Amino acid sequence: MYNNKKVAVIIAAAGQGRRMGAPVPKQYMKIGGEYILAKTINAFEQAEEVDYTFIVTNRDYIDLCSEIVSERGFSKVLGIVNGGRERQDSVYNAIQTLNSKRPGVSIVLIHDGARPFVDGSVISSVIEAADRDGAAAACVAMTDSVRKAGKEKGKSMAVDRSDYYSVQTPQGFRKTILIESYEKAYDDGYMGTDDASIVERAGYDVTIVEGNYGNIKITTKEDLPMENRVGTGYDVHRLVEDRKLILGGVEIPHDRGLLGHSDADVLTHALMDALLGAAGLGDIGRHFPDTDEQYRGADSLMLLGRVKELLDENFYRTGNVDITVIAQKPKISPYIEQMRGNIAAVLDVEISRVNIKGTTTEKLGFEGREEGIAAQAVCSIYR
């Protein structure tokens, strides 16, 4: 509540995020293990002036949105609303729901679901200006030089950047002004680029509130904060007769091979577990269970390619990998460069980022008795 007036926020999270190129809308991606949308909701959950939150999302993600709200215990969320065809339609759906459920609300904020780094001071400033002036928007001054396109194709002219601002959210309005402006827009068949433009078109001035350069809208993968992770993997397979010995995708001459559901490439298996672990995506048993016949005799480099696809879907790239093969016999040194090349090609990294080495146990343990071969892997990934 602000000045004895109820405040509600509409979080616009119905977009598809096609420019991100991800398998899910950007607001349902994770940063540091937390949904982007959850971070956004939490910013308003912590804002003392905000009484209620309404989330508008794509129909296909209403259940997931509900799960996020329930798991995090967001007590201010009063409604999850189905989105419309355009952002303006989605927000208007939420306005109608808000007005129906909480008609006593006086001030309405509208915020992008993919702006998870908004801070409390910006929220407070927008509420204060909206209450005082009727309409306000968080903005930041332009830092780059600005040019205006000329009348002739390819021509342009410099403009004074001090006259221009980059618009952010939240944007705040007296509820009566917001509803009136939206109804006028629909009556006139007008579709605005944001809520402030809709209100301005209805004849109201929009106050500029100083935003924060950190309050970015996550639109493309380049907007995601840099994140570095490390993973480890370990695997072991028994040596048996009548099996090929495959390590790092290379068939190595030996009197026995490794026993397993797939080709039992212990080196590649350890690496896959390291990569999956670094990304928080489980392990190879989860993705390629030995109870699934489609993986019987499978080429482990092909499976590594599937792991690479999972990393790509989550915007992770491989930093480097370091793998140790533990075996009394055979000596792997003649094949290391070929193994490195295979793995680098699958992970789409320079070969210098892949290190492979072999060691013995001085005839101690199952490796020393030549009963089996083990491998350990360490990797770094980033996004």
Protein backbone atom coordinates (compact mmCIF):
# COMPACT_ATOMS: atom_id res chain seq x y z
CA MET A 1 0.00 0.00 0.00
CA TYR A 2 1.17 3.51 -0.81
CA ASN A 3 -0.43 6.63 0.71
CA ASN A 4 -3.35 4.46 1.86
CA LYS A 5 -3.87 3.33 -1.74
CA LYS A 6 -3.78 -0.26 -2.92
CA VAL A 7 -1.09 -1.09 -5.47
CA ALA A 8 -1.10 -4.02 -7.89
CA VAL A 9 1.45 -5.16 -10.44
CA ILE A 10 0.80 -6.96 -13.70
CA ILE A 11 3.75 -9.06 -14.83
CA ALA A 12 3.63 -9.52 -18.60
CA ALA A 13 5.04 -13.00 -19.24
CA ALA A 14 3.06 -14.27 -22.22
CA GLY A 15 5.70 -13.75 -24.89
CA GLN A 16 7.20 -16.62 -26.88
CA GLY A 17 10.76 -15.24 -26.82
CA ARG A 18 11.52 -16.32 -30.39
CA ARG A 19 14.62 -14.11 -30.63
CA MET A 20 16.17 -16.12 -27.81
CA GLY A 21 15.99 -19.28 -29.90
CA ALA A 22 15.40 -21.40 -26.78
CA PRO A 23 13.08 -24.42 -26.45
CA VAL A 24 11.01 -22.50 -23.87
CA PRO A 25 10.06 -18.81 -23.56
CA LYS A 26 12.90 -16.81 -22.03
CA GLN A 27 10.97 -16.08 -18.83
CA TYR A 28 10.92 -19.83 -18.14
CA MET A 29 14.67 -20.22 -18.55
CA LYS A 30 16.87 -20.30 -15.47
CA ILE A 31 19.64 -18.06 -14.18
CA GLY A 32 21.72 -19.54 -11.38
CA GLY A 33 19.26 -22.40 -11.04
CA GLU A 34 16.23 -20.10 -10.64
CA TYR A 35 13.52 -19.32 -13.17
CA ILE A 36 13.82 -15.83 -14.64
CA LEU A 37 10.11 -15.32 -13.98
CA ALA A 38 10.55 -16.33 -10.33
CA LYS A 39 13.25 -13.69 -9.90
CA THR A 40 10.92 -11.10 -11.43
CA ILE A 41 7.97 -12.04 -9.23
CA ASN A 42 10.17 -12.00 -6.15
CA ALA A 43 11.23 -8.39 -6.76
CA PHE A 44 7.60 -7.30 -6.30
CA GLU A 45 6.96 -9.82 -3.54
CA GLN A 46 9.65 -7.99 -1.57
CA ALA A 47 8.36 -4.49 -2.41
CA GLU A 48 6.45 -3.23 0.63
CA GLU A 49 4.25 -0.86 -1.41
CA VAL A 50 2.90 -3.64 -3.67
CA ASP A 51 -0.21 -5.42 -2.41
CA TYR A 52 -1.14 -7.77 -5.25
CA THR A 53 0.48 -9.43 -8.23
CA PHE A 54 -1.21 -10.70 -11.38
CA ILE A 55 0.77 -12.72 -13.92
CA VAL A 56 -0.28 -13.02 -17.54
CA THR A 57 1.32 -15.92 -19.39
CA ASN A 58 1.00 -18.17 -22.41
CA ARG A 59 -1.77 -20.76 -22.11
CA ASP A 60 0.77 -23.59 -22.48
CA TYR A 61 2.73 -22.38 -19.45
CA ILE A 62 -0.04 -21.65 -16.96
CA ASP A 63 0.61 -24.92 -15.11
CA LEU A 64 4.34 -24.27 -14.87
CA CYS A 65 3.70 -20.72 -13.74
CA SER A 66 1.37 -22.04 -11.03
CA GLU A 67 4.04 -24.50 -9.90
CA ILE A 68 6.62 -21.72 -9.63
CA VAL A 69 4.26 -19.57 -7.56
CA SER A 70 3.34 -22.49 -5.30
CA GLU A 71 6.88 -23.75 -4.77
CA ARG A 72 8.21 -20.29 -3.93
CA GLY A 73 5.22 -19.42 -1.76
CA PHE A 74 4.53 -16.08 -3.45
CA SER A 75 1.68 -14.83 -1.28
CA LYS A 76 0.86 -11.67 -3.25
CA VAL A 77 -0.01 -13.51 -6.47
CA LEU A 78 -3.80 -13.41 -6.83
CA GLY A 79 -4.18 -14.45 -10.44
CA ILE A 80 -2.48 -16.16 -13.37
CA VAL A 81 -4.13 -14.94 -16.52
CA ASN A 82 -4.14 -16.39 -20.03
CA GLY A 83 -2.34 -14.17 -22.53
CA GLY A 84 -3.74 -12.77 -25.75
CA ARG A 85 -2.53 -12.56 -29.33
CA GLU A 86 -0.43 -9.43 -28.75
CA ARG A 87 1.20 -8.01 -25.64
CA GLN A 88 -1.48 -5.31 -25.48
CA ASP A 89 -4.19 -8.01 -25.48
CA SER A 90 -2.39 -9.91 -22.73
CA VAL A 91 -2.05 -6.89 -20.48
CA TYR A 92 -5.69 -5.91 -21.05
CA ASN A 93 -6.79 -9.42 -20.03
CA ALA A 94 -4.88 -8.94 -16.80
CA ILE A 95 -6.30 -5.46 -16.24
CA GLN A 96 -9.82 -6.84 -16.51
CA THR A 97 -9.03 -9.70 -14.10
CA LEU A 98 -7.41 -7.32 -11.64
CA ASN A 99 -10.34 -4.90 -11.75
CA SER A 100 -12.76 -7.76 -11.19
CA LYS A 101 -10.90 -9.36 -8.29
CA ARG A 102 -9.60 -6.22 -6.59
CA PRO A 103 -11.73 -3.22 -7.67
CA GLY A 104 -10.27 -1.15 -4.83
CA VAL A 105 -6.81 -0.98 -6.40
CA SER A 106 -5.78 2.61 -7.20
CA ILE A 107 -2.32 2.22 -8.76
CA VAL A 108 -1.28 -0.38 -11.33
CA LEU A 109 2.28 -1.22 -12.33
CA ILE A 110 3.08 -3.18 -15.46
CA HIS A 111 6.40 -4.98 -15.70
CA ASP A 112 8.09 -7.29 -18.19
CA GLY A 113 8.43 -10.85 -16.97
CA ALA A 114 11.91 -11.01 -18.51
CA ARG A 115 13.27 -8.08 -16.46
CA PRO A 116 14.39 -9.99 -13.37
CA PHE A 117 16.92 -7.46 -12.09
CA VAL A 118 14.59 -4.58 -11.23
CA ASP A 119 15.35 -3.17 -7.80
CA GLY A 120 13.13 -1.86 -5.05
CA SER A 121 14.15 1.78 -5.41
CA VAL A 122 12.95 1.89 -9.03
CA ILE A 123 9.67 0.22 -8.08
CA SER A 124 9.12 2.75 -5.29
CA SER A 125 9.94 5.72 -7.52
CA VAL A 126 7.51 4.61 -10.24
CA ILE A 127 4.71 4.12 -7.69
CA GLU A 128 5.35 7.56 -6.20
CA ALA A 129 5.31 9.29 -9.60
CA ALA A 130 2.23 7.38 -10.78
CA ASP A 131 0.33 8.41 -7.66
CA ARG A 132 1.42 12.04 -8.00
CA ASP A 133 1.19 12.54 -11.77
CA GLY A 134 -1.05 9.77 -13.04
CA ALA A 135 1.43 8.00 -15.32
CA ALA A 136 5.15 7.21 -15.08
CA ALA A 137 7.76 5.01 -16.71
CA ALA A 138 11.22 3.92 -15.64
CA CYS A 139 13.76 5.19 -18.21
CA VAL A 140 17.51 5.52 -18.57
CA ALA A 141 19.46 8.11 -20.52
CA MET A 142 20.97 7.01 -23.80
CA THR A 143 24.69 6.26 -23.51
CA ASP A 144 25.41 5.60 -27.20
CA SER A 145 25.40 8.21 -29.90
CA VAL A 146 22.05 8.36 -31.68
CA ARG A 147 21.31 8.89 -35.36
CA LYS A 148 18.00 9.46 -37.10
CA ALA A 149 17.25 7.85 -40.44
CA GLY A 150 16.99 10.36 -43.27
CA LYS A 151 14.38 10.53 -46.00
CA GLU A 152 16.76 8.98 -48.51
CA LYS A 153 17.61 5.32 -48.05
CA GLY A 154 20.91 4.85 -46.27
CA LYS A 155 21.15 8.49 -45.20
CA SER A 156 21.07 9.61 -41.55
CA MET A 157 21.67 12.56 -39.29
CA ALA A 158 23.02 12.99 -35.78
CA VAL A 159 20.62 13.91 -32.98
CA ASP A 160 21.23 15.15 -29.46
CA ARG A 161 21.08 12.01 -27.33
CA SER A 162 20.26 14.09 -24.23
CA ASP A 163 16.77 14.49 -25.70
CA TYR A 164 16.17 10.71 -25.72
CA TYR A 165 15.70 7.94 -23.18
CA SER A 166 15.55 4.18 -23.32
CA VAL A 167 12.27 3.02 -21.84
CA GLN A 168 12.12 0.24 -19.25
CA THR A 169 9.52 -1.20 -16.92
CA PRO A 170 7.88 -0.97 -14.49
CA GLN A 171 5.50 1.60 -15.84
CA GLY A 172 2.89 2.83 -13.38
CA PHE A 173 -0.57 4.41 -13.73
CA ARG A 174 -3.63 5.38 -11.84
CA LYS A 175 -5.97 2.55 -12.62
CA THR A 176 -8.70 4.82 -13.95
CA ILE A 177 -6.29 6.38 -16.45
CA LEU A 178 -4.97 3.00 -17.56
CA ILE A 179 -8.43 1.53 -18.18
CA GLU A 180 -9.63 4.64 -20.02
CA SER A 181 -6.53 4.65 -22.24
CA TYR A 182 -6.79 0.97 -23.12
CA GLU A 183 -10.47 1.26 -23.99
CA LYS A 184 -9.74 4.24 -26.25
CA ALA A 185 -6.94 2.31 -27.95
CA TYR A 186 -9.26 -0.59 -28.72
CA ASP A 187 -12.05 1.72 -29.87
CA ASP A 188 -9.61 3.33 -32.33
CA GLY A 189 -7.97 0.07 -33.40
CA TYR A 190 -4.60 1.24 -32.07
CA MET A 191 -1.85 -1.15 -30.94
CA GLY A 192 0.85 0.48 -28.84
CA THR A 193 4.44 -0.61 -28.33
CA ASP A 194 4.11 -0.26 -24.58
CA ASP A 195 1.62 0.90 -21.96
CA ALA A 196 3.07 4.41 -21.69
CA SER A 197 2.49 5.00 -25.41
CA ILE A 198 -1.15 3.90 -25.04
CA VAL A 199 -1.69 6.27 -22.11
CA GLU A 200 0.12 9.14 -23.83
CA ARG A 201 -2.04 8.70 -26.94
CA ALA A 202 -5.11 9.12 -24.74
CA GLY A 203 -3.89 12.58 -23.78
CA TYR A 204 -1.96 12.00 -20.57
CA ASP A 205 1.61 13.05 -19.85
CA VAL A 206 4.03 10.32 -18.79
CA THR A 207 6.58 11.23 -16.13
CA ILE A 208 10.13 9.94 -16.60
CA VAL A 209 11.47 8.12 -13.57
CA GLU A 210 15.16 7.33 -13.35
CA GLY A 211 15.61 3.63 -14.00
CA ASN A 212 18.66 1.44 -13.61
CA TYR A 213 21.04 0.27 -16.33
CA GLY A 214 21.10 -3.14 -14.67
CA ASN A 215 17.34 -3.47 -15.17
CA ILE A 216 17.80 -5.16 -18.55
CA LYS A 217 15.19 -7.06 -20.48
CA ILE A 218 16.49 -10.50 -21.37
CA THR A 219 15.78 -10.85 -25.08
CA THR A 220 18.68 -12.74 -26.65
CA LYS A 221 21.21 -15.19 -25.24
CA GLU A 222 23.76 -12.36 -25.11
CA ASP A 223 21.63 -10.75 -22.38
CA LEU A 224 22.09 -13.70 -20.04
CA PRO A 225 24.66 -13.01 -17.31
CA MET A 226 27.97 -14.86 -17.65
CA GLU A 227 27.87 -18.06 -15.64
CA ASN A 228 30.72 -20.51 -15.18
CA ARG A 229 30.26 -24.05 -13.90
CA VAL A 230 32.44 -27.09 -13.21
CA GLY A 231 31.46 -30.77 -13.37
CA THR A 232 33.10 -34.09 -12.62
CA GLY A 233 32.40 -37.57 -13.99
CA TYR A 234 33.55 -41.09 -13.23
CA ASP A 235 32.82 -44.38 -14.98
CA VAL A 236 34.13 -47.94 -14.97
CA HIS A 237 33.51 -50.98 -17.19
CA ARG A 238 34.66 -54.59 -16.98
CA LEU A 239 37.02 -56.05 -19.59
CA VAL A 240 35.60 -59.16 -21.30
CA GLU A 241 36.35 -61.25 -24.35
CA ASP A 242 34.58 -60.86 -27.68
CA ARG A 243 34.07 -57.11 -27.28
CA LYS A 244 35.75 -54.24 -29.09
CA LEU A 245 37.71 -51.79 -26.95
CA ILE A 246 36.44 -48.28 -27.73
CA LEU A 247 37.92 -45.25 -25.99
CA GLY A 248 37.16 -41.70 -27.06
CA GLY A 249 35.52 -43.04 -30.20
CA VAL A 250 38.72 -44.88 -31.23
CA GLU A 251 38.86 -48.64 -31.62
CA ILE A 252 42.05 -49.77 -29.85
CA PRO A 253 43.60 -53.19 -30.60
CA HIS A 254 43.40 -55.36 -27.47
CA ASP A 255 42.58 -58.93 -26.52
CA ARG A 256 39.43 -57.82 -24.69
CA GLY A 257 36.89 -55.02 -24.77
CA LEU A 258 34.65 -53.24 -22.30
CA LEU A 259 31.27 -54.70 -21.33
CA GLY A 260 28.27 -52.41 -21.43
CA HIS A 261 24.82 -51.74 -22.89
CA SER A 262 26.25 -49.30 -25.43
CA ASP A 263 29.76 -49.47 -26.86
CA ALA A 264 30.99 -49.05 -23.24
CA ASP A 265 33.32 -46.17 -24.12
CA VAL A 266 34.27 -45.45 -20.52
CA LEU A 267 36.20 -42.29 -21.41
CA THR A 268 33.28 -40.68 -23.21
CA HIS A 269 30.82 -41.82 -20.53
CA ALA A 270 32.83 -40.09 -17.81
CA LEU A 271 32.92 -36.94 -19.91
CA MET A 272 29.16 -37.00 -20.52
CA ASP A 273 28.50 -37.29 -16.79
CA ALA A 274 30.83 -34.36 -16.12
CA LEU A 275 29.07 -32.15 -18.67
CA LEU A 276 25.59 -33.10 -17.52
CA GLY A 277 26.56 -32.56 -13.90
CA ALA A 278 28.02 -29.14 -14.60
CA ALA A 279 24.78 -28.07 -16.28
CA GLY A 280 22.60 -29.57 -13.53
CA LEU A 281 20.99 -31.95 -16.02
CA GLY A 282 21.33 -35.26 -14.21
CA ASP A 283 23.51 -38.08 -15.51
CA ILE A 284 23.80 -40.47 -18.45
CA GLY A 285 21.63 -43.06 -16.70
CA ARG A 286 18.77 -40.58 -16.71
CA HIS A 287 19.10 -39.67 -20.38
CA PHE A 288 20.34 -42.97 -21.85
CA PRO A 289 19.14 -45.77 -19.53
CA ASP A 290 20.55 -49.27 -20.05
CA THR A 291 16.99 -50.56 -20.00
CA ASP A 292 16.25 -48.79 -23.29
CA GLU A 293 16.91 -50.98 -26.32
CA GLN A 294 17.53 -48.00 -28.59
CA TYR A 295 20.86 -47.50 -26.83
CA ARG A 296 22.06 -51.11 -27.14
CA GLY A 297 25.45 -50.96 -28.84
CA ALA A 298 25.11 -47.18 -29.27
CA ASP A 299 28.08 -45.14 -30.40
CA SER A 300 29.03 -43.08 -27.34
CA LEU A 301 30.23 -40.20 -29.50
CA MET A 302 26.68 -40.02 -30.84
CA LEU A 303 25.41 -39.90 -27.26
CA LEU A 304 27.96 -37.18 -26.50
CA GLY A 305 26.42 -35.26 -29.39
CA ARG A 306 23.03 -35.56 -27.69
CA VAL A 307 24.56 -34.17 -24.49
CA LYS A 308 25.98 -31.29 -26.54
CA GLU A 309 22.46 -30.58 -27.81
CA LEU A 310 21.18 -30.45 -24.22
CA LEU A 311 23.90 -27.96 -23.35
CA ASP A 312 23.02 -25.90 -26.43
CA GLU A 313 19.36 -25.82 -25.41
CA ASN A 314 20.43 -24.30 -22.10
CA PHE A 315 22.95 -21.95 -23.80
CA TYR A 316 26.00 -23.61 -22.26
CA ARG A 317 29.30 -23.85 -24.10
CA THR A 318 32.20 -26.09 -23.16
CA GLY A 319 35.19 -24.31 -21.68
CA ASN A 320 37.61 -27.20 -21.39
CA VAL A 321 37.69 -30.90 -20.50
CA ASP A 322 40.39 -32.96 -18.80
CA ILE A 323 40.04 -36.75 -18.81
CA THR A 324 42.16 -39.41 -17.16
CA VAL A 325 41.95 -43.06 -18.28
CA ILE A 326 43.00 -45.52 -15.57
CA ALA A 327 44.18 -48.84 -17.05
CA GLN A 328 47.11 -51.20 -16.67
CA LYS A 329 46.81 -52.14 -20.32
CA PRO A 330 46.68 -51.16 -23.13
CA LYS A 331 48.77 -48.04 -23.46
CA ILE A 332 46.58 -45.28 -24.88
CA SER A 333 49.25 -42.72 -25.75
CA PRO A 334 49.34 -43.64 -29.47
CA TYR A 335 45.62 -42.87 -29.77
CA ILE A 336 45.27 -39.76 -27.64
CA GLU A 337 45.41 -37.23 -30.47
CA GLN A 338 42.70 -39.07 -32.39
CA MET A 339 40.53 -39.19 -29.25
CA ARG A 340 41.05 -35.48 -28.64
CA GLY A 341 40.07 -34.72 -32.21
CA ASN A 342 36.90 -36.82 -31.97
CA ILE A 343 35.73 -35.15 -28.79
CA ALA A 344 36.63 -31.64 -29.91
CA ALA A 345 34.66 -32.16 -33.13
CA VAL A 346 31.53 -33.34 -31.28
CA LEU A 347 31.69 -30.55 -28.70
CA ASP A 348 32.55 -27.98 -31.40
CA VAL A 349 35.59 -26.65 -29.52
CA GLU A 350 39.24 -26.19 -30.36
CA ILE A 351 41.30 -29.33 -29.78
CA SER A 352 43.40 -27.36 -27.32
CA ARG A 353 40.42 -27.38 -24.96
CA VAL A 354 40.45 -31.17 -24.74
CA ASN A 355 43.09 -32.95 -22.66
CA ILE A 356 43.33 -36.74 -22.32
CA LYS A 357 45.92 -38.70 -20.38
CA GLY A 358 46.40 -42.24 -19.21
CA THR A 359 47.76 -43.70 -16.01
CA THR A 360 48.17 -47.08 -14.35
CA THR A 361 47.64 -48.13 -10.74
CA GLU A 362 50.96 -49.93 -10.53
CA LYS A 363 49.07 -53.23 -10.74
CA LEU A 364 46.92 -52.36 -7.72
CA GLY A 365 43.14 -52.75 -7.67
CA PHE A 366 40.82 -54.00 -10.39
CA GLU A 367 42.52 -51.80 -12.98
CA GLY A 368 45.92 -53.14 -12.00
CA ARG A 369 44.63 -56.71 -12.25
CA GLU A 370 43.33 -55.83 -15.74
CA GLU A 371 39.76 -56.64 -14.77
CA GLY A 372 38.43 -53.35 -16.02
CA ILE A 373 39.14 -49.75 -17.07
CA ALA A 374 38.04 -46.58 -15.29
CA ALA A 375 37.96 -42.96 -16.36
CA GLN A 376 37.65 -39.65 -14.54
CA ALA A 377 36.64 -36.38 -16.20
CA VAL A 378 36.56 -32.75 -15.16
CA CYS A 379 34.99 -30.03 -17.31
CA SER A 380 34.12 -26.37 -17.25
CA ILE A 381 31.12 -24.90 -19.05
CA TYR A 382 29.88 -21.35 -19.38
CA ARG A 383 27.04 -19.23 -20.72
